[in-house]
Amino acid sequence: MSDEIKSESGKAEASVRDRVDEELGRIRPYIQADGGDIELLEVDETTGKVSIRFHGSCRGCPMSAMTLKMGVERQLKEKVPEVSEVVSVP
């Protein structure tokens, strides 16, 4: 079953998960520049909750909570309006 949905114009639209994953791809280089990484675990399309996991130097970093809320969550909410919150899973 395809994750794409056809719009009224007949064009395929990417799923919420695909759009979140694409946006994380844009954010990832900034996180990697600081020795970390970010992994998409789950997107609940009903609630808009996105679960991610930090890797590398981001794990346990006191600034990771700020990166999560002020960086990752803000960017995802702006680019993918269906996203309601982003949480980090250990």
PDB file of N, CA and C in Angstrom:
ATOM      1  N   MET A   1       0.834  -1.169   0.000  1.00  0.00           N
ATOM      2  CA  MET A   1       0.000   0.000   0.000  1.00  0.00           C
ATOM      3  C   MET A   1       0.886   1.242   0.000  1.00  0.00           C
ATOM      4  N   SER A   2       0.615   2.180  -0.852  1.00  0.00           N
ATOM      5  CA  SER A   2       1.427   3.371  -0.998  1.00  0.00           C
ATOM      6  C   SER A   2       1.171   4.370   0.121  1.00  0.00           C
ATOM      7  N   ASP A   3       2.245   5.076   0.549  1.00  0.00           N
ATOM      8  CA  ASP A   3       2.108   6.130   1.545  1.00  0.00           C
ATOM      9  C   ASP A   3       1.656   7.434   0.908  1.00  0.00           C
ATOM     10  N   GLU A   4       1.599   7.465  -0.404  1.00  0.00           N
ATOM     11  CA  GLU A   4       1.205   8.681  -1.088  1.00  0.00           C
ATOM     12  C   GLU A   4      -0.305   8.737  -1.229  1.00  0.00           C
ATOM     13  N   ILE A   5      -0.820   9.945  -1.178  1.00  0.00           N
ATOM     14  CA  ILE A   5      -2.251  10.181  -1.314  1.00  0.00           C
ATOM     15  C   ILE A   5      -2.442  11.057  -2.537  1.00  0.00           C
ATOM     16  N   LYS A   6      -3.446  10.766  -3.321  1.00  0.00           N
ATOM     17  CA  LYS A   6      -3.728  11.573  -4.504  1.00  0.00           C
ATOM     18  C   LYS A   6      -4.550  12.788  -4.106  1.00  0.00           C
ATOM     19  N   SER A   7      -4.126  13.963  -4.557  1.00  0.00           N
ATOM     20  CA  SER A   7      -4.886  15.173  -4.298  1.00  0.00           C
ATOM     21  C   SER A   7      -5.982  15.288  -5.351  1.00  0.00           C
ATOM     22  N   GLU A   8      -6.817  16.308  -5.220  1.00  0.00           N
ATOM     23  CA  GLU A   8      -7.896  16.500  -6.182  1.00  0.00           C
ATOM     24  C   GLU A   8      -7.354  16.700  -7.587  1.00  0.00           C
ATOM     25  N   SER A   9      -6.162  17.255  -7.719  1.00  0.00           N
ATOM     26  CA  SER A   9      -5.571  17.474  -9.034  1.00  0.00           C
ATOM     27  C   SER A   9      -4.972  16.198  -9.611  1.00  0.00           C
ATOM     28  N   GLY A  10      -4.956  15.119  -8.815  1.00  0.00           N
ATOM     29  CA  GLY A  10      -4.425  13.855  -9.292  1.00  0.00           C
ATOM     30  C   GLY A  10      -2.941  13.679  -8.996  1.00  0.00           C
ATOM     31  N   LYS A  11      -2.302  14.717  -8.455  1.00  0.00           N
ATOM     32  CA  LYS A  11      -0.883  14.611  -8.120  1.00  0.00           C
ATOM     33  C   LYS A  11      -0.728  13.858  -6.806  1.00  0.00           C
ATOM     34  N   ALA A  12       0.347  13.103  -6.713  1.00  0.00           N
ATOM     35  CA  ALA A  12       0.625  12.353  -5.485  1.00  0.00           C
ATOM     36  C   ALA A  12       1.174  13.293  -4.425  1.00  0.00           C
ATOM     37  N   GLU A  13       0.636  13.204  -3.212  1.00  0.00           N
ATOM     38  CA  GLU A  13       1.127  13.989  -2.084  1.00  0.00           C
ATOM     39  C   GLU A  13       1.836  13.043  -1.120  1.00  0.00           C
ATOM     40  N   ALA A  14       2.961  13.496  -0.608  1.00  0.00           N
ATOM     41  CA  ALA A  14       3.729  12.673   0.327  1.00  0.00           C
ATOM     42  C   ALA A  14       2.993  12.573   1.660  1.00  0.00           C
ATOM     43  N   SER A  15       3.168  11.457   2.336  1.00  0.00           N
ATOM     44  CA  SER A  15       2.568  11.259   3.652  1.00  0.00           C
ATOM     45  C   SER A  15       3.227  12.199   4.661  1.00  0.00           C
ATOM     46  N   VAL A  16       2.587  12.359   5.802  1.00  0.00           N
ATOM     47  CA  VAL A  16       3.143  13.193   6.863  1.00  0.00           C
ATOM     48  C   VAL A  16       4.520  12.658   7.258  1.00  0.00           C
ATOM     49  N   ARG A  17       4.639  11.341   7.404  1.00  0.00           N
ATOM     50  CA  ARG A  17       5.929  10.744   7.776  1.00  0.00           C
ATOM     51  C   ARG A  17       7.007  11.084   6.747  1.00  0.00           C
ATOM     52  N   ASP A  18       6.674  11.001   5.477  1.00  0.00           N
ATOM     53  CA  ASP A  18       7.651  11.314   4.433  1.00  0.00           C
ATOM     54  C   ASP A  18       8.089  12.770   4.506  1.00  0.00           C
ATOM     55  N   ARG A  19       7.150  13.669   4.757  1.00  0.00           N
ATOM     56  CA  ARG A  19       7.489  15.089   4.841  1.00  0.00           C
ATOM     57  C   ARG A  19       8.312  15.387   6.089  1.00  0.00           C
ATOM     58  N   VAL A  20       8.002  14.721   7.204  1.00  0.00           N
ATOM     59  CA  VAL A  20       8.800  14.880   8.423  1.00  0.00           C
ATOM     60  C   VAL A  20      10.213  14.361   8.170  1.00  0.00           C
ATOM     61  N   ASP A  21      10.323  13.198   7.564  1.00  0.00           N
ATOM     62  CA  ASP A  21      11.629  12.603   7.282  1.00  0.00           C
ATOM     63  C   ASP A  21      12.450  13.507   6.358  1.00  0.00           C
ATOM     64  N   GLU A  22      11.803  14.083   5.377  1.00  0.00           N
ATOM     65  CA  GLU A  22      12.483  14.988   4.447  1.00  0.00           C
ATOM     66  C   GLU A  22      12.999  16.227   5.190  1.00  0.00           C
ATOM     67  N   GLU A  23      12.181  16.783   6.061  1.00  0.00           N
ATOM     68  CA  GLU A  23      12.590  17.966   6.816  1.00  0.00           C
ATOM     69  C   GLU A  23      13.710  17.628   7.790  1.00  0.00           C
ATOM     70  N   LEU A  24      13.657  16.452   8.420  1.00  0.00           N
ATOM     71  CA  LEU A  24      14.759  16.032   9.304  1.00  0.00           C
ATOM     72  C   LEU A  24      16.054  15.914   8.512  1.00  0.00           C
ATOM     73  N   GLY A  25      15.936  15.532   7.255  1.00  0.00           N
ATOM     74  CA  GLY A  25      17.114  15.468   6.387  1.00  0.00           C
ATOM     75  C   GLY A  25      17.771  16.827   6.203  1.00  0.00           C
ATOM     76  N   ARG A  26      16.969  17.885   6.258  1.00  0.00           N
ATOM     77  CA  ARG A  26      17.504  19.241   6.154  1.00  0.00           C
ATOM     78  C   ARG A  26      18.137  19.693   7.471  1.00  0.00           C
ATOM     79  N   ILE A  27      17.601  19.202   8.585  1.00  0.00           N
ATOM     80  CA  ILE A  27      18.086  19.582   9.918  1.00  0.00           C
ATOM     81  C   ILE A  27      19.327  18.783  10.303  1.00  0.00           C
ATOM     82  N   ARG A  28      19.375  17.525   9.872  1.00  0.00           N
ATOM     83  CA  ARG A  28      20.414  16.573  10.275  1.00  0.00           C
ATOM     84  C   ARG A  28      21.849  17.097  10.137  1.00  0.00           C
ATOM     85  N   PRO A  29      22.226  17.759   9.036  1.00  0.00           N
ATOM     86  CA  PRO A  29      23.620  18.221   8.913  1.00  0.00           C
ATOM     87  C   PRO A  29      24.055  19.174  10.030  1.00  0.00           C
ATOM     88  N   TYR A  30      23.136  19.976  10.540  1.00  0.00           N
ATOM     89  CA  TYR A  30      23.464  20.895  11.628  1.00  0.00           C
ATOM     90  C   TYR A  30      23.732  20.129  12.921  1.00  0.00           C
ATOM     91  N   ILE A  31      22.969  19.089  13.141  1.00  0.00           N
ATOM     92  CA  ILE A  31      23.164  18.265  14.334  1.00  0.00           C
ATOM     93  C   ILE A  31      24.446  17.445  14.200  1.00  0.00           C
ATOM     94  N   GLN A  32      24.694  16.940  13.002  1.00  0.00           N
ATOM     95  CA  GLN A  32      25.910  16.163  12.762  1.00  0.00           C
ATOM     96  C   GLN A  32      27.161  17.022  12.892  1.00  0.00           C
ATOM     97  N   ALA A  33      27.053  18.298  12.589  1.00  0.00           N
ATOM     98  CA  ALA A  33      28.199  19.203  12.704  1.00  0.00           C
ATOM     99  C   ALA A  33      28.669  19.324  14.150  1.00  0.00           C
ATOM    100  N   ASP A  34      27.765  19.053  15.097  1.00  0.00           N
ATOM    101  CA  ASP A  34      28.125  19.077  16.511  1.00  0.00           C
ATOM    102  C   ASP A  34      28.409  17.683  17.062  1.00  0.00           C
ATOM    103  N   GLY A  35      28.560  16.699  16.176  1.00  0.00           N
ATOM    104  CA  GLY A  35      28.922  15.349  16.600  1.00  0.00           C
ATOM    105  C   GLY A  35      27.756  14.464  16.979  1.00  0.00           C
ATOM    106  N   GLY A  36      26.546  14.879  16.636  1.00  0.00           N
ATOM    107  CA  GLY A  36      25.360  14.086  16.963  1.00  0.00           C
ATOM    108  C   GLY A  36      24.643  13.608  15.723  1.00  0.00           C
ATOM    109  N   ASP A  37      23.474  13.068  15.938  1.00  0.00           N
ATOM    110  CA  ASP A  37      22.605  12.660  14.837  1.00  0.00           C
ATOM    111  C   ASP A  37      21.189  12.549  15.383  1.00  0.00           C
ATOM    112  N   ILE A  38      20.235  12.427  14.483  1.00  0.00           N
ATOM    113  CA  ILE A  38      18.832  12.352  14.860  1.00  0.00           C
ATOM    114  C   ILE A  38      18.175  11.248  14.038  1.00  0.00           C
ATOM    115  N   GLU A  39      17.354  10.453  14.695  1.00  0.00           N
ATOM    116  CA  GLU A  39      16.679   9.319  14.051  1.00  0.00           C
ATOM    117  C   GLU A  39      15.169   9.484  14.220  1.00  0.00           C
ATOM    118  N   LEU A  40      14.443   9.337  13.140  1.00  0.00           N
ATOM    119  CA  LEU A  40      12.988   9.373  13.193  1.00  0.00           C
ATOM    120  C   LEU A  40      12.494   7.992  13.595  1.00  0.00           C
ATOM    121  N   LEU A  41      11.748   7.935  14.696  1.00  0.00           N
ATOM    122  CA  LEU A  41      11.223   6.666  15.185  1.00  0.00           C
ATOM    123  C   LEU A  41       9.773   6.444  14.779  1.00  0.00           C
ATOM    124  N   GLU A  42       8.933   7.462  14.987  1.00  0.00           N
ATOM    125  CA  GLU A  42       7.509   7.271  14.747  1.00  0.00           C
ATOM    126  C   GLU A  42       6.831   8.603  14.481  1.00  0.00           C
ATOM    127  N   VAL A  43       5.812   8.558  13.635  1.00  0.00           N
ATOM    128  CA  VAL A  43       4.943   9.703  13.406  1.00  0.00           C
ATOM    129  C   VAL A  43       3.514   9.214  13.593  1.00  0.00           C
ATOM    130  N   ASP A  44       2.839   9.736  14.589  1.00  0.00           N
ATOM    131  CA  ASP A  44       1.438   9.402  14.825  1.00  0.00           C
ATOM    132  C   ASP A  44       0.603  10.426  14.072  1.00  0.00           C
ATOM    133  N   GLU A  45       0.075  10.027  12.930  1.00  0.00           N
ATOM    134  CA  GLU A  45      -0.652  10.965  12.084  1.00  0.00           C
ATOM    135  C   GLU A  45      -1.983  11.377  12.692  1.00  0.00           C
ATOM    136  N   THR A  46      -2.483  10.639  13.677  1.00  0.00           N
ATOM    137  CA  THR A  46      -3.739  10.996  14.340  1.00  0.00           C
ATOM    138  C   THR A  46      -3.529  12.166  15.298  1.00  0.00           C
ATOM    139  N   THR A  47      -2.457  12.100  16.092  1.00  0.00           N
ATOM    140  CA  THR A  47      -2.197  13.139  17.096  1.00  0.00           C
ATOM    141  C   THR A  47      -1.179  14.177  16.635  1.00  0.00           C
ATOM    142  N   GLY A  48      -0.394  13.856  15.621  1.00  0.00           N
ATOM    143  CA  GLY A  48       0.655  14.757  15.158  1.00  0.00           C
ATOM    144  C   GLY A  48       1.936  14.665  15.965  1.00  0.00           C
ATOM    145  N   LYS A  49       2.019  13.667  16.840  1.00  0.00           N
ATOM    146  CA  LYS A  49       3.195  13.487  17.686  1.00  0.00           C
ATOM    147  C   LYS A  49       4.310  12.778  16.914  1.00  0.00           C
ATOM    148  N   VAL A  50       5.497  13.369  16.948  1.00  0.00           N
ATOM    149  CA  VAL A  50       6.674  12.812  16.278  1.00  0.00           C
ATOM    150  C   VAL A  50       7.662  12.372  17.352  1.00  0.00           C
ATOM    151  N   SER A  51       8.136  11.141  17.262  1.00  0.00           N
ATOM    152  CA  SER A  51       9.128  10.617  18.202  1.00  0.00           C
ATOM    153  C   SER A  51      10.461  10.475  17.482  1.00  0.00           C
ATOM    154  N   ILE A  52      11.500  11.043  18.109  1.00  0.00           N
ATOM    155  CA  ILE A  52      12.852  10.973  17.540  1.00  0.00           C
ATOM    156  C   ILE A  52      13.803  10.439  18.599  1.00  0.00           C
ATOM    157  N   ARG A  53      14.997  10.084  18.169  1.00  0.00           N
ATOM    158  CA  ARG A  53      16.051   9.678  19.101  1.00  0.00           C
ATOM    159  C   ARG A  53      17.332  10.404  18.693  1.00  0.00           C
ATOM    160  N   PHE A  54      17.975  11.025  19.668  1.00  0.00           N
ATOM    161  CA  PHE A  54      19.275  11.643  19.427  1.00  0.00           C
ATOM    162  C   PHE A  54      20.362  10.588  19.572  1.00  0.00           C
ATOM    163  N   HIS A  55      21.434  10.742  18.801  1.00  0.00           N
ATOM    164  CA  HIS A  55      22.591   9.850  18.853  1.00  0.00           C
ATOM    165  C   HIS A  55      23.862  10.680  19.010  1.00  0.00           C
ATOM    166  N   GLY A  56      24.943  10.002  19.295  1.00  0.00           N
ATOM    167  CA  GLY A  56      26.244  10.648  19.385  1.00  0.00           C
ATOM    168  C   GLY A  56      26.325  11.616  20.541  1.00  0.00           C
ATOM    169  N   SER A  57      26.960  12.746  20.297  1.00  0.00           N
ATOM    170  CA  SER A  57      27.171  13.714  21.374  1.00  0.00           C
ATOM    171  C   SER A  57      25.876  14.363  21.846  1.00  0.00           C
ATOM    172  N   CYS A  58      24.802  14.213  21.109  1.00  0.00           N
ATOM    173  CA  CYS A  58      23.511  14.785  21.521  1.00  0.00           C
ATOM    174  C   CYS A  58      22.866  13.989  22.659  1.00  0.00           C
ATOM    175  N   ARG A  59      23.192  12.723  22.757  1.00  0.00           N
ATOM    176  CA  ARG A  59      22.639  11.901  23.855  1.00  0.00           C
ATOM    177  C   ARG A  59      23.205  12.376  25.172  1.00  0.00           C
ATOM    178  N   GLY A  60      22.338  12.760  26.068  1.00  0.00           N
ATOM    179  CA  GLY A  60      22.765  13.199  27.385  1.00  0.00           C
ATOM    180  C   GLY A  60      23.265  14.628  27.444  1.00  0.00           C
ATOM    181  N   CYS A  61      23.316  15.306  26.321  1.00  0.00           N
ATOM    182  CA  CYS A  61      23.774  16.693  26.309  1.00  0.00           C
ATOM    183  C   CYS A  61      22.693  17.580  26.935  1.00  0.00           C
ATOM    184  N   PRO A  62      23.077  18.460  27.850  1.00  0.00           N
ATOM    185  CA  PRO A  62      22.088  19.330  28.484  1.00  0.00           C
ATOM    186  C   PRO A  62      21.378  20.257  27.491  1.00  0.00           C
ATOM    187  N   MET A  63      21.996  20.528  26.376  1.00  0.00           N
ATOM    188  CA  MET A  63      21.391  21.411  25.373  1.00  0.00           C
ATOM    189  C   MET A  63      20.442  20.669  24.430  1.00  0.00           C
ATOM    190  N   SER A  64      20.389  19.339  24.505  1.00  0.00           N
ATOM    191  CA  SER A  64      19.546  18.592  23.567  1.00  0.00           C
ATOM    192  C   SER A  64      18.065  18.908  23.741  1.00  0.00           C
ATOM    193  N   ALA A  65      17.623  19.214  24.957  1.00  0.00           N
ATOM    194  CA  ALA A  65      16.222  19.583  25.174  1.00  0.00           C
ATOM    195  C   ALA A  65      15.899  20.887  24.458  1.00  0.00           C
ATOM    196  N   MET A  66      16.828  21.820  24.507  1.00  0.00           N
ATOM    197  CA  MET A  66      16.628  23.092  23.803  1.00  0.00           C
ATOM    198  C   MET A  66      16.670  22.882  22.290  1.00  0.00           C
ATOM    199  N   THR A  67      17.604  22.068  21.836  1.00  0.00           N
ATOM    200  CA  THR A  67      17.685  21.740  20.409  1.00  0.00           C
ATOM    201  C   THR A  67      16.384  21.108  19.944  1.00  0.00           C
ATOM    202  N   LEU A  68      15.844  20.222  20.766  1.00  0.00           N
ATOM    203  CA  LEU A  68      14.603  19.527  20.418  1.00  0.00           C
ATOM    204  C   LEU A  68      13.454  20.507  20.257  1.00  0.00           C
ATOM    205  N   LYS A  69      13.209  21.332  21.256  1.00  0.00           N
ATOM    206  CA  LYS A  69      12.042  22.212  21.252  1.00  0.00           C
ATOM    207  C   LYS A  69      12.223  23.459  20.393  1.00  0.00           C
ATOM    208  N   MET A  70      13.351  24.128  20.537  1.00  0.00           N
ATOM    209  CA  MET A  70      13.547  25.397  19.832  1.00  0.00           C
ATOM    210  C   MET A  70      14.072  25.215  18.405  1.00  0.00           C
ATOM    211  N   GLY A  71      14.614  24.058  18.124  1.00  0.00           N
ATOM    212  CA  GLY A  71      15.132  23.811  16.787  1.00  0.00           C
ATOM    213  C   GLY A  71      14.279  22.839  16.009  1.00  0.00           C
ATOM    214  N   VAL A  72      14.347  21.580  16.388  1.00  0.00           N
ATOM    215  CA  VAL A  72      13.688  20.509  15.636  1.00  0.00           C
ATOM    216  C   VAL A  72      12.171  20.689  15.636  1.00  0.00           C
ATOM    217  N   GLU A  73      11.565  20.824  16.812  1.00  0.00           N
ATOM    218  CA  GLU A  73      10.105  20.929  16.875  1.00  0.00           C
ATOM    219  C   GLU A  73       9.601  22.181  16.154  1.00  0.00           C
ATOM    220  N   ARG A  74      10.245  23.303  16.383  1.00  0.00           N
ATOM    221  CA  ARG A  74       9.823  24.549  15.736  1.00  0.00           C
ATOM    222  C   ARG A  74       9.880  24.430  14.219  1.00  0.00           C
ATOM    223  N   GLN A  75      10.958  23.870  13.709  1.00  0.00           N
ATOM    224  CA  GLN A  75      11.129  23.723  12.260  1.00  0.00           C
ATOM    225  C   GLN A  75      10.094  22.761  11.677  1.00  0.00           C
ATOM    226  N   LEU A  76       9.888  21.637  12.359  1.00  0.00           N
ATOM    227  CA  LEU A  76       8.916  20.663  11.847  1.00  0.00           C
ATOM    228  C   LEU A  76       7.496  21.226  11.851  1.00  0.00           C
ATOM    229  N   LYS A  77       7.128  21.925  12.913  1.00  0.00           N
ATOM    230  CA  LYS A  77       5.786  22.512  12.984  1.00  0.00           C
ATOM    231  C   LYS A  77       5.579  23.542  11.873  1.00  0.00           C
ATOM    232  N   GLU A  78       6.636  24.274  11.564  1.00  0.00           N
ATOM    233  CA  GLU A  78       6.550  25.291  10.517  1.00  0.00           C
ATOM    234  C   GLU A  78       6.401  24.656   9.131  1.00  0.00           C
ATOM    235  N   LYS A  79       7.170  23.620   8.871  1.00  0.00           N
ATOM    236  CA  LYS A  79       7.201  23.012   7.541  1.00  0.00           C
ATOM    237  C   LYS A  79       6.154  21.918   7.338  1.00  0.00           C
ATOM    238  N   VAL A  80       5.735  21.268   8.427  1.00  0.00           N
ATOM    239  CA  VAL A  80       4.739  20.189   8.358  1.00  0.00           C
ATOM    240  C   VAL A  80       3.651  20.524   9.380  1.00  0.00           C
ATOM    241  N   PRO A  81       2.632  21.273   8.981  1.00  0.00           N
ATOM    242  CA  PRO A  81       1.631  21.777   9.916  1.00  0.00           C
ATOM    243  C   PRO A  81       0.889  20.691  10.724  1.00  0.00           C
ATOM    244  N   GLU A  82       0.896  19.471  10.258  1.00  0.00           N
ATOM    245  CA  GLU A  82       0.233  18.382  10.974  1.00  0.00           C
ATOM    246  C   GLU A  82       0.957  17.987  12.258  1.00  0.00           C
ATOM    247  N   VAL A  83       2.208  18.398  12.405  1.00  0.00           N
ATOM    248  CA  VAL A  83       3.007  18.057  13.587  1.00  0.00           C
ATOM    249  C   VAL A  83       2.540  18.919  14.760  1.00  0.00           C
ATOM    250  N   SER A  84       2.188  18.252  15.862  1.00  0.00           N
ATOM    251  CA  SER A  84       1.738  18.970  17.060  1.00  0.00           C
ATOM    252  C   SER A  84       2.830  19.044  18.117  1.00  0.00           C
ATOM    253  N   GLU A  85       3.678  18.021  18.188  1.00  0.00           N
ATOM    254  CA  GLU A  85       4.793  18.020  19.142  1.00  0.00           C
ATOM    255  C   GLU A  85       5.842  17.028  18.694  1.00  0.00           C
ATOM    256  N   VAL A  86       7.063  17.263  19.189  1.00  0.00           N
ATOM    257  CA  VAL A  86       8.176  16.354  18.932  1.00  0.00           C
ATOM    258  C   VAL A  86       8.759  15.959  20.273  1.00  0.00           C
ATOM    259  N   VAL A  87       8.906  14.659  20.485  1.00  0.00           N
ATOM    260  CA  VAL A  87       9.461  14.152  21.738  1.00  0.00           C
ATOM    261  C   VAL A  87      10.694  13.308  21.428  1.00  0.00           C
ATOM    262  N   SER A  88      11.634  13.334  22.370  1.00  0.00           N
ATOM    263  CA  SER A  88      12.838  12.532  22.259  1.00  0.00           C
ATOM    264  C   SER A  88      12.684  11.282  23.111  1.00  0.00           C
ATOM    265  N   VAL A  89      12.961  10.149  22.514  1.00  0.00           N
ATOM    266  CA  VAL A  89      12.878   8.854  23.201  1.00  0.00           C
ATOM    267  C   VAL A  89      14.315   8.390  23.448  1.00  0.00           C
ATOM    268  N   PRO A  90      14.622   8.000  24.697  1.00  0.00           N
ATOM    269  CA  PRO A  90      16.000   7.563  24.990  1.00  0.00           C
ATOM    270  C   PRO A  90      16.378   6.280  24.280  1.00  0.00           C
TER     271      PRO A  90
END
